[in-house]
Protein backbone atom coordinates (compact mmCIF):
# COMPACT_ATOMS: atom_id res chain seq x y z
CA UNK A 1 46.94 120.52 118.37
CA UNK A 2 49.83 121.89 116.38
CA UNK A 3 52.51 120.36 114.14
CA UNK A 4 55.85 122.11 113.86
CA UNK A 5 58.08 121.01 110.97
CA UNK A 6 61.85 121.50 111.29
CA UNK A 7 63.74 121.01 108.04
CA UNK A 8 67.12 119.37 107.61
CA UNK A 9 70.60 120.14 106.41
CA UNK A 10 71.27 122.02 103.20
CA UNK A 11 67.70 123.35 102.85
CA UNK A 12 67.27 127.00 101.90
CA UNK A 13 64.18 129.13 101.36
CA UNK A 14 62.98 127.94 97.94
CA UNK A 15 63.51 124.28 98.75
CA UNK A 16 61.94 124.72 102.18
CA UNK A 17 58.82 126.33 100.80
CA UNK A 18 58.22 123.51 98.31
CA UNK A 19 58.89 120.85 100.93
CA UNK A 20 56.76 122.42 103.62
CA UNK A 21 53.85 122.93 101.22
CA UNK A 22 53.84 119.18 100.63
CA UNK A 23 54.08 118.32 104.33
CA UNK A 24 51.35 120.80 105.27
CA UNK A 25 49.01 119.48 102.57
CA UNK A 26 49.46 115.87 103.70
CA UNK A 27 49.10 116.64 107.42
CA UNK A 28 46.10 118.92 106.95
CA UNK A 29 44.32 116.19 105.00
CA UNK A 30 44.58 113.90 108.04
CA UNK A 31 44.31 116.52 110.77
CA UNK A 32 41.98 119.21 109.41
CA UNK A 33 41.64 120.97 112.77
CA UNK A 34 45.37 121.10 113.51
CA UNK A 35 47.68 124.04 112.89
CA UNK A 36 50.68 123.12 110.74
CA UNK A 37 53.65 125.44 111.12
CA UNK A 38 57.24 125.43 110.00
CA UNK A 39 60.47 126.48 111.64
CA UNK A 40 62.70 127.71 108.83
CA UNK A 41 66.28 128.21 110.02
CA UNK A 42 68.41 127.79 106.89
CA UNK A 43 69.21 131.44 106.15
CA UNK A 44 69.84 132.43 109.75
CA UNK A 45 71.74 129.42 111.08
CA UNK A 46 72.88 127.62 107.94
CA UNK A 47 76.48 127.55 106.78
CA UNK A 48 78.05 129.85 104.20
CA UNK A 49 81.60 130.32 102.97
CA UNK A 50 82.45 133.45 104.91
CA UNK A 51 85.59 134.20 102.91
CA UNK A 52 84.04 133.32 99.58
CA UNK A 53 85.78 129.97 99.36
CA UNK A 54 89.34 131.28 99.50
CA UNK A 55 90.35 128.26 101.60
CA UNK A 56 89.55 125.82 98.77
CA UNK A 57 92.47 124.92 96.47
CA UNK A 58 91.44 125.37 92.87
CA UNK A 59 88.44 127.59 93.51
CA UNK A 60 90.28 130.89 93.26
CA UNK A 61 94.01 131.37 92.59
CA UNK A 62 95.92 133.04 95.37
CA UNK A 63 96.92 136.66 94.60
CA UNK A 64 100.08 136.69 92.51
CA UNK A 65 100.17 132.90 92.08
CA UNK A 66 100.89 131.52 88.64
CA UNK A 67 98.34 128.99 87.34
CA UNK A 68 99.43 125.37 87.25
CA UNK A 69 100.75 124.14 83.95
CA UNK A 70 98.04 122.07 82.18
CA UNK A 71 100.56 119.37 81.18
CA UNK A 72 101.72 119.00 84.78
CA UNK A 73 98.16 118.74 86.07
CA UNK A 74 97.29 116.16 83.43
CA UNK A 75 100.33 114.02 84.28
CA UNK A 76 99.56 114.06 87.99
CA UNK A 77 95.90 113.32 87.37
CA UNK A 78 96.71 110.44 85.02
CA UNK A 79 99.11 108.81 87.46
CA UNK A 80 96.71 109.18 90.38
CA UNK A 81 93.87 107.76 88.30
CA UNK A 82 95.96 104.78 87.20
CA UNK A 83 96.78 103.87 90.79
CA UNK A 84 93.17 104.35 91.85
CA UNK A 85 92.26 101.76 89.23
CA UNK A 86 95.06 99.44 90.37
CA UNK A 87 93.96 99.66 93.99
CA UNK A 88 90.45 98.69 92.95
CA UNK A 89 91.72 95.83 90.73
CA UNK A 90 95.43 95.04 91.26
CA UNK A 91 95.48 92.56 88.36
CA UNK A 92 93.99 94.90 85.77
CA UNK A 93 97.26 95.57 83.91
CA UNK A 94 98.09 91.88 83.83
CA UNK A 95 94.61 91.23 82.47
CA UNK A 96 95.25 93.60 79.58
CA UNK A 97 98.53 91.85 78.75
CA UNK A 98 96.91 88.44 79.07
CA UNK A 99 94.06 89.27 76.72
CA UNK A 100 95.66 91.67 74.26
CA UNK A 101 99.21 90.39 74.20
CA UNK A 102 101.61 92.51 72.14
CA UNK A 103 101.13 94.05 68.70
CA UNK A 104 102.46 92.35 65.58
CA UNK A 105 106.16 92.80 65.19
CA UNK A 106 106.82 93.19 68.89
CA UNK A 107 108.17 89.70 69.34
CA UNK A 108 105.36 88.30 71.44
CA UNK A 109 103.85 84.84 71.43
CA UNK A 110 101.56 85.62 68.52
CA UNK A 111 104.54 86.59 66.36
CA UNK A 112 106.44 83.46 67.41
CA UNK A 113 103.58 81.28 66.30
CA UNK A 114 102.88 83.12 63.04
CA UNK A 115 106.27 84.34 61.82
CA UNK A 116 108.79 81.78 63.05
CA UNK A 117 107.94 78.34 61.68
CA UNK A 118 111.31 77.06 62.95
CA UNK A 119 110.74 78.15 66.56
CA UNK A 120 111.95 75.34 68.78
CA UNK A 121 109.15 73.67 70.71
CA UNK A 122 109.52 73.45 74.45
CA UNK A 123 111.73 76.55 74.77
CA UNK A 124 110.52 78.49 77.80
CA UNK A 125 109.16 81.97 77.08
CA UNK A 126 110.96 84.89 78.70
CA UNK A 127 107.74 85.80 80.51
CA UNK A 128 107.56 82.33 82.10
CA UNK A 129 110.99 82.91 83.61
CA UNK A 130 109.84 86.25 85.07
CA UNK A 131 106.79 84.63 86.62
CA UNK A 132 108.92 81.80 88.04
CA UNK A 133 111.23 84.40 89.59
CA UNK A 134 108.24 86.07 91.23
CA UNK A 135 106.97 82.75 92.60
CA UNK A 136 110.42 82.01 94.00
CA UNK A 137 110.66 85.20 96.02
CA UNK A 138 110.57 84.48 99.79
CA UNK A 139 106.98 84.69 101.06
CA UNK A 140 108.04 86.51 104.21
CA UNK A 141 108.92 90.21 103.85
CA UNK A 142 112.67 90.80 103.55
CA UNK A 143 114.59 91.70 106.70
CA UNK A 144 114.38 95.41 107.61
CA UNK A 145 118.11 95.67 106.89
CA UNK A 146 117.34 95.05 103.22
CA UNK A 147 116.12 98.15 101.32
CA UNK A 148 112.97 96.41 100.15
CA UNK A 149 112.35 95.11 103.66
CA UNK A 150 112.93 98.51 105.21
CA UNK A 151 110.50 100.03 102.73
CA UNK A 152 107.80 97.45 103.41
CA UNK A 153 108.12 97.79 107.18
CA UNK A 154 108.36 101.58 107.03
CA UNK A 155 105.18 101.93 104.97
CA UNK A 156 103.08 99.44 106.92
CA UNK A 157 102.88 97.02 103.96
CA UNK A 158 104.94 94.17 105.40
CA UNK A 159 101.98 92.23 106.79
CA UNK A 160 100.10 92.22 103.48
CA UNK A 161 103.11 91.71 101.21
CA UNK A 162 103.18 87.86 101.27
CA UNK A 163 99.52 87.52 100.27
CA UNK A 164 100.01 90.10 97.52
CA UNK A 165 103.00 88.17 96.15
CA UNK A 166 101.06 84.92 96.18
CA UNK A 167 97.97 86.44 94.56
CA UNK A 168 99.96 87.83 91.64
CA UNK A 169 102.11 84.72 91.16
CA UNK A 170 99.16 82.34 91.17
CA UNK A 171 96.80 84.43 89.07
CA UNK A 172 95.53 83.14 85.75
CA UNK A 173 96.11 86.61 84.31
CA UNK A 174 99.83 86.45 85.11
CA UNK A 175 100.14 82.94 83.70
CA UNK A 176 98.51 83.90 80.40
CA UNK A 177 100.51 87.12 80.09
CA UNK A 178 103.71 85.22 80.80
CA UNK A 179 102.97 82.73 78.03
CA UNK A 180 102.50 85.56 75.54
CA UNK A 181 105.67 87.42 76.58
CA UNK A 182 108.21 85.41 74.58
CA UNK A 183 110.75 88.18 74.01
CA UNK A 184 112.90 90.13 76.44
CA UNK A 185 111.14 93.50 75.86
CA UNK A 186 107.79 91.90 76.68
CA UNK A 187 109.27 90.13 79.70
CA UNK A 188 110.54 93.45 81.04
CA UNK A 189 107.09 94.98 80.64
CA UNK A 190 105.55 91.95 82.34
CA UNK A 191 107.98 92.38 85.25
CA UNK A 192 106.80 95.96 85.73
CA UNK A 193 103.13 94.94 85.56
CA UNK A 194 103.71 92.18 88.12
CA UNK A 195 105.53 94.54 90.46
CA UNK A 196 102.75 97.12 90.20
CA UNK A 197 100.16 94.40 90.85
CA UNK A 198 101.94 93.28 94.02
CA UNK A 199 102.36 96.83 95.27
CA UNK A 200 98.72 97.69 94.52
CA UNK A 201 97.42 94.55 96.22
CA UNK A 202 99.46 95.24 99.36
CA UNK A 203 98.32 98.88 99.42
CA UNK A 204 94.69 97.92 98.91
CA UNK A 205 94.82 95.33 101.69
CA UNK A 206 96.51 97.74 104.11
CA UNK A 207 94.00 100.47 103.33
CA UNK A 208 94.14 103.40 105.73
CA UNK A 209 96.77 101.56 107.81
CA UNK A 210 99.37 102.13 105.08
CA UNK A 211 101.74 105.08 105.48
CA UNK A 212 103.05 105.21 101.96
CA UNK A 213 103.87 108.20 99.79
CA UNK A 214 103.85 108.16 96.01
CA UNK A 215 107.64 108.19 95.98
CA UNK A 216 107.81 105.20 98.33
CA UNK A 217 105.26 103.34 96.22
CA UNK A 218 107.28 104.00 93.06
CA UNK A 219 110.49 102.85 94.78
CA UNK A 220 108.75 99.65 95.90
CA UNK A 221 107.73 98.96 92.29
CA UNK A 222 111.25 99.71 91.09
CA UNK A 223 112.87 97.34 93.59
CA UNK A 224 110.44 94.54 92.80
CA UNK A 225 110.82 95.04 89.06
CA UNK A 226 114.59 94.88 89.34
CA UNK A 227 114.40 91.62 91.29
CA UNK A 228 112.24 90.20 88.51
CA UNK A 229 114.76 91.15 85.87
CA UNK A 230 112.86 94.12 84.49
CA UNK A 231 113.69 97.77 84.02
CA UNK A 232 111.52 99.94 86.29
CA UNK A 233 112.69 103.13 84.61
CA UNK A 234 110.55 102.25 81.60
CA UNK A 235 106.86 101.85 82.56
CA UNK A 236 104.77 99.09 81.07
CA UNK A 237 103.91 100.88 77.88
CA UNK A 238 101.09 98.73 76.49
CA UNK A 239 99.02 98.15 79.60
CA UNK A 240 99.67 101.61 81.02
CA UNK A 241 98.72 103.35 77.79
CA UNK A 242 95.40 101.55 77.60
CA UNK A 243 94.51 101.73 81.29
CA UNK A 244 95.71 105.28 81.71
CA UNK A 245 93.02 106.55 79.37
CA UNK A 246 90.44 104.27 80.95
CA UNK A 247 91.40 105.34 84.46
CA UNK A 248 90.88 108.99 83.67
CA UNK A 249 87.34 108.16 82.60
CA UNK A 250 86.22 105.76 85.31
CA UNK A 251 87.98 106.96 88.45
CA UNK A 252 86.84 109.94 90.46
CA UNK A 253 90.08 111.60 91.52
CA UNK A 254 90.72 113.63 88.33
CA UNK A 255 87.11 114.79 88.39
CA UNK A 256 87.42 115.76 92.04
CA UNK A 257 90.63 117.66 91.37
CA UNK A 258 89.13 119.55 88.44
CA UNK A 259 85.86 120.32 90.17
CA UNK A 260 86.93 120.62 93.80
CA UNK A 261 85.99 124.27 93.98
CA UNK A 262 82.52 123.91 92.51
CA UNK A 263 81.89 120.69 94.43
CA UNK A 264 82.86 122.36 97.70
CA UNK A 265 80.59 125.31 97.07
CA UNK A 266 77.74 122.97 96.15
CA UNK A 267 78.26 120.77 99.20
CA UNK A 268 78.66 123.63 101.66
CA UNK A 269 74.98 123.98 102.64
CA UNK A 270 74.52 120.26 103.32
CA UNK A 271 77.83 119.39 104.98
CA UNK A 272 78.48 122.86 106.35
CA UNK A 273 75.15 123.03 108.21
CA UNK A 274 76.07 119.89 110.16
CA UNK A 275 79.54 121.14 111.02
CA UNK A 276 78.25 124.54 112.00
CA UNK A 277 75.58 123.02 114.21
CA UNK A 278 78.17 120.86 115.97
CA UNK A 279 80.19 123.97 116.75
CA UNK A 280 77.43 126.51 117.37
CA UNK A 281 74.22 124.58 117.88
CA UNK A 282 73.16 126.56 120.96
CA UNK A 283 71.76 129.42 118.89
CA UNK A 284 69.65 127.13 116.72
CA UNK A 285 68.31 125.30 119.78
CA UNK A 286 67.31 128.59 121.38
CA UNK A 287 65.54 129.56 118.16
CA UNK A 288 63.67 126.25 118.08
CA UNK A 289 62.67 126.61 121.73
CA UNK A 290 61.21 130.03 121.05
CA UNK A 291 59.22 128.75 118.05
CA UNK A 292 57.90 125.74 119.97
CA UNK A 293 56.73 127.78 122.93
CA UNK A 294 55.34 130.64 120.86
CA UNK A 295 51.91 129.00 120.62
CA UNK A 296 49.98 127.22 123.40
CA UNK A 297 48.59 123.72 123.25
CA UNK A 298 49.99 120.27 122.52
CA UNK A 299 52.66 120.19 119.80
CA UNK A 300 53.98 117.42 117.59
CA UNK A 301 57.53 118.14 116.47
CA UNK A 302 58.66 116.72 113.13
CA UNK A 303 62.38 116.96 112.44
CA UNK A 304 64.09 115.91 109.23
CA UNK A 305 67.78 114.96 109.23
CA UNK A 306 69.70 117.70 111.08
CA UNK A 307 66.38 119.12 112.26
CA UNK A 308 65.85 115.86 114.14
CA UNK A 309 69.29 116.09 115.74
CA UNK A 310 68.63 119.60 116.98
CA UNK A 311 65.25 118.61 118.40
CA UNK A 312 66.65 115.58 120.25
CA UNK A 313 69.38 117.77 121.71
CA UNK A 314 66.93 120.50 122.71
CA UNK A 315 64.42 118.18 124.35
CA UNK A 316 67.05 116.08 126.15
CA UNK A 317 68.92 119.11 127.49
CA UNK A 318 65.71 120.73 128.68
CA UNK A 319 64.46 117.54 130.33
CA UNK A 320 67.81 117.02 132.08
CA UNK A 321 67.45 120.48 133.61
CA UNK A 322 63.94 119.62 134.75
CA UNK A 323 62.53 122.16 132.31
CA UNK A 324 60.71 120.05 129.71
CA UNK A 325 59.77 122.16 126.68
CA UNK A 326 56.15 123.20 127.27
CA UNK A 327 53.53 121.62 125.03
CA UNK A 328 55.76 119.02 123.41
CA UNK A 329 53.83 115.75 123.34
CA UNK A 330 55.46 113.82 120.51
CA UNK A 331 58.77 113.94 118.64
CA UNK A 332 58.96 112.53 115.11
CA UNK A 333 62.41 112.27 113.55
CA UNK A 334 62.67 111.37 109.88
CA UNK A 335 65.94 110.27 108.28
CA UNK A 336 67.86 111.48 111.31
CA UNK A 337 71.42 110.87 112.44
CA UNK A 338 70.77 111.55 116.15
CA UNK A 339 71.14 107.88 117.23
CA UNK A 340 74.42 107.56 115.33
CA UNK A 341 75.85 110.73 116.86
CA UNK A 342 74.81 109.42 120.27
CA UNK A 343 76.81 106.23 119.66
CA UNK A 344 79.80 108.28 118.55
CA UNK A 345 79.66 110.50 121.61
CA UNK A 346 78.98 113.46 119.31
CA UNK A 347 75.41 114.19 120.42
CA UNK A 348 75.47 117.40 122.46
CA UNK A 349 72.79 116.38 124.95
CA UNK A 350 73.84 112.86 125.93
CA UNK A 351 77.03 110.94 126.67
CA UNK A 352 77.23 107.42 125.20
CA UNK A 353 75.41 105.00 127.49
CA UNK A 354 73.31 107.70 129.14
CA UNK A 355 69.56 107.20 129.18
CA UNK A 356 67.03 109.67 127.86
CA UNK A 357 66.08 111.85 130.82
CA UNK A 358 62.72 111.85 132.51
CA UNK A 359 60.50 114.38 130.78
CA UNK A 360 61.68 113.49 127.27
CA UNK A 361 58.52 112.95 125.14
CA UNK A 362 57.44 109.96 123.07
CA UNK A 363 59.75 109.51 120.11
CA UNK A 364 58.81 108.06 116.72
CA UNK A 365 61.94 107.57 114.62
CA UNK A 366 61.33 106.90 110.91
CA UNK A 367 64.09 105.44 108.72
CA UNK A 368 64.70 103.91 105.29
CA UNK A 369 67.31 101.16 104.88
CA UNK A 370 68.49 102.75 101.65
CA UNK A 371 68.95 106.12 103.33
CA UNK A 372 72.51 106.09 104.66
CA UNK A 373 71.70 109.18 106.73
CA UNK A 374 68.97 107.42 108.74
CA UNK A 375 69.57 105.37 111.87
CA UNK A 376 67.74 103.26 114.48
CA UNK A 377 67.03 104.82 117.87
CA UNK A 378 65.54 101.89 119.79
CA UNK A 379 68.63 99.65 119.88
CA UNK A 380 70.86 102.39 121.33
CA UNK A 381 68.30 103.20 124.04
CA UNK A 382 67.26 99.62 124.88
CA UNK A 383 64.14 99.13 126.91
CA UNK A 384 62.93 102.72 126.63
CA UNK A 385 59.16 102.44 125.96
CA UNK A 386 58.99 106.00 124.66
CA UNK A 387 60.93 105.12 121.50
CA UNK A 388 59.51 103.46 118.39
CA UNK A 389 61.46 102.89 115.16
CA UNK A 390 59.45 102.62 111.96
CA UNK A 391 60.81 101.61 108.58
CA UNK A 392 59.57 103.15 105.34
CA UNK A 393 60.78 101.99 101.93
CA UNK A 394 60.69 104.52 99.10
CA UNK A 395 62.35 102.09 96.65
CA UNK A 396 64.70 104.93 95.77
CA UNK A 397 68.50 104.79 96.04
CA UNK A 398 70.48 107.28 98.08
CA UNK A 399 70.42 110.30 98.07
CA UNK A 400 66.92 110.47 96.56
CA UNK A 401 65.51 108.34 99.39
CA UNK A 402 66.63 110.91 101.98
CA UNK A 403 63.95 113.31 100.77
CA UNK A 404 61.42 110.77 99.50
CA UNK A 405 59.77 110.27 102.90
CA UNK A 406 57.47 113.24 102.48
CA UNK A 407 55.53 111.77 99.57
CA UNK A 408 54.96 108.42 101.29
CA UNK A 409 51.44 107.85 102.63
CA UNK A 410 52.97 105.35 105.04
CA UNK A 411 54.76 108.18 106.86
CA UNK A 412 51.59 110.13 107.55
CA UNK A 413 49.69 106.98 108.47
CA UNK A 414 52.33 106.18 111.07
CA UNK A 415 52.29 109.74 112.42
CA UNK A 416 48.50 109.53 112.69
CA UNK A 417 48.84 106.28 114.62
CA UNK A 418 51.45 107.79 116.95
CA UNK A 419 49.22 110.81 117.65
CA UNK A 420 46.36 108.48 118.53
CA UNK A 421 48.58 106.37 120.80
CA UNK A 422 49.76 109.49 122.61
CA UNK A 423 46.13 110.63 122.92
CA UNK A 424 46.96 114.09 121.65
CA UNK A 425 43.79 116.08 121.06
């Protein structure tokens, strides 16, 4: 009996050698008479950046191109980061105004209480009037003939606009901020924060269905601010100043922009191997076929991640031709995406809904719930007695769990059980 290990995406020689040494040690301990081989394909069939990454903005400047001005990059990054934070929490600027209010001397509620002992009780704060104006806006989106209405309908935000209006108007954050905004300057800033909250809420709810540019978003905020009596040309200084710095620290977009080149290079082996296989998987499958048939006798194939995809494709294609791969008695996929690709219609060997062909071997599919790159095979091939799903829990988060299978005794125990059930000698 022979085991043939096929590694997964992103693995290159050094990583393969360490990983295979572990797998071979564990398998040999349970199957001392078995040959344990590996099929290393990373250097030959793995992805590389053929043009040195020249397609990646920010990795290398184009010949003759002037570098971007640092101030311009910082401004773009800051604005993008602020809106990323607003989309995650549309009320965040209102929360800052509600909790922090305005500094001494700015004419806010704290100053009114402390510095004006003759302030008339019962006089409505300017911020209360702004919030009342917001609550009075029609809940239905304006008619498309209106500029605001045309903008909402044209960006796909009309359906989510009423709920966004209501959420901002009824929020405790807006009520508290309105109470503290006693002066006109504070009321104008509150109007901007409310308009940004409504726009962010509508954008967040629409998600990928929104067709909204940055310019359209800014115009939406400007129109809403104007209707609330504010001045959209002057951004909300206090909340924006605080959250702008925070956004640059806690949101990912500025980091992605700054490190896009290095991140792309680092991700190329893992992501690129999958894309390359989808486009040119025939060569890898031929290589695997040659390695499997190079030695006689029953063979247990163990495929990790992309290695499992390639093995499922190879075995299914061969079986469909009536040419089952000689010697293959058991397929073990570990942390594999083959079932998911099958559901998507992206598995080379099988159309969605097609059954595994006669001649396909027994299939043990091992997954971990925490591993977002592992999927169930049994439910997408219902009633097929050849397929068994087996869950293993490494207690590690992703991505560590994607490679943690190989140190789990439970994996090798289940492989040993599957070998016995298949009566492979």
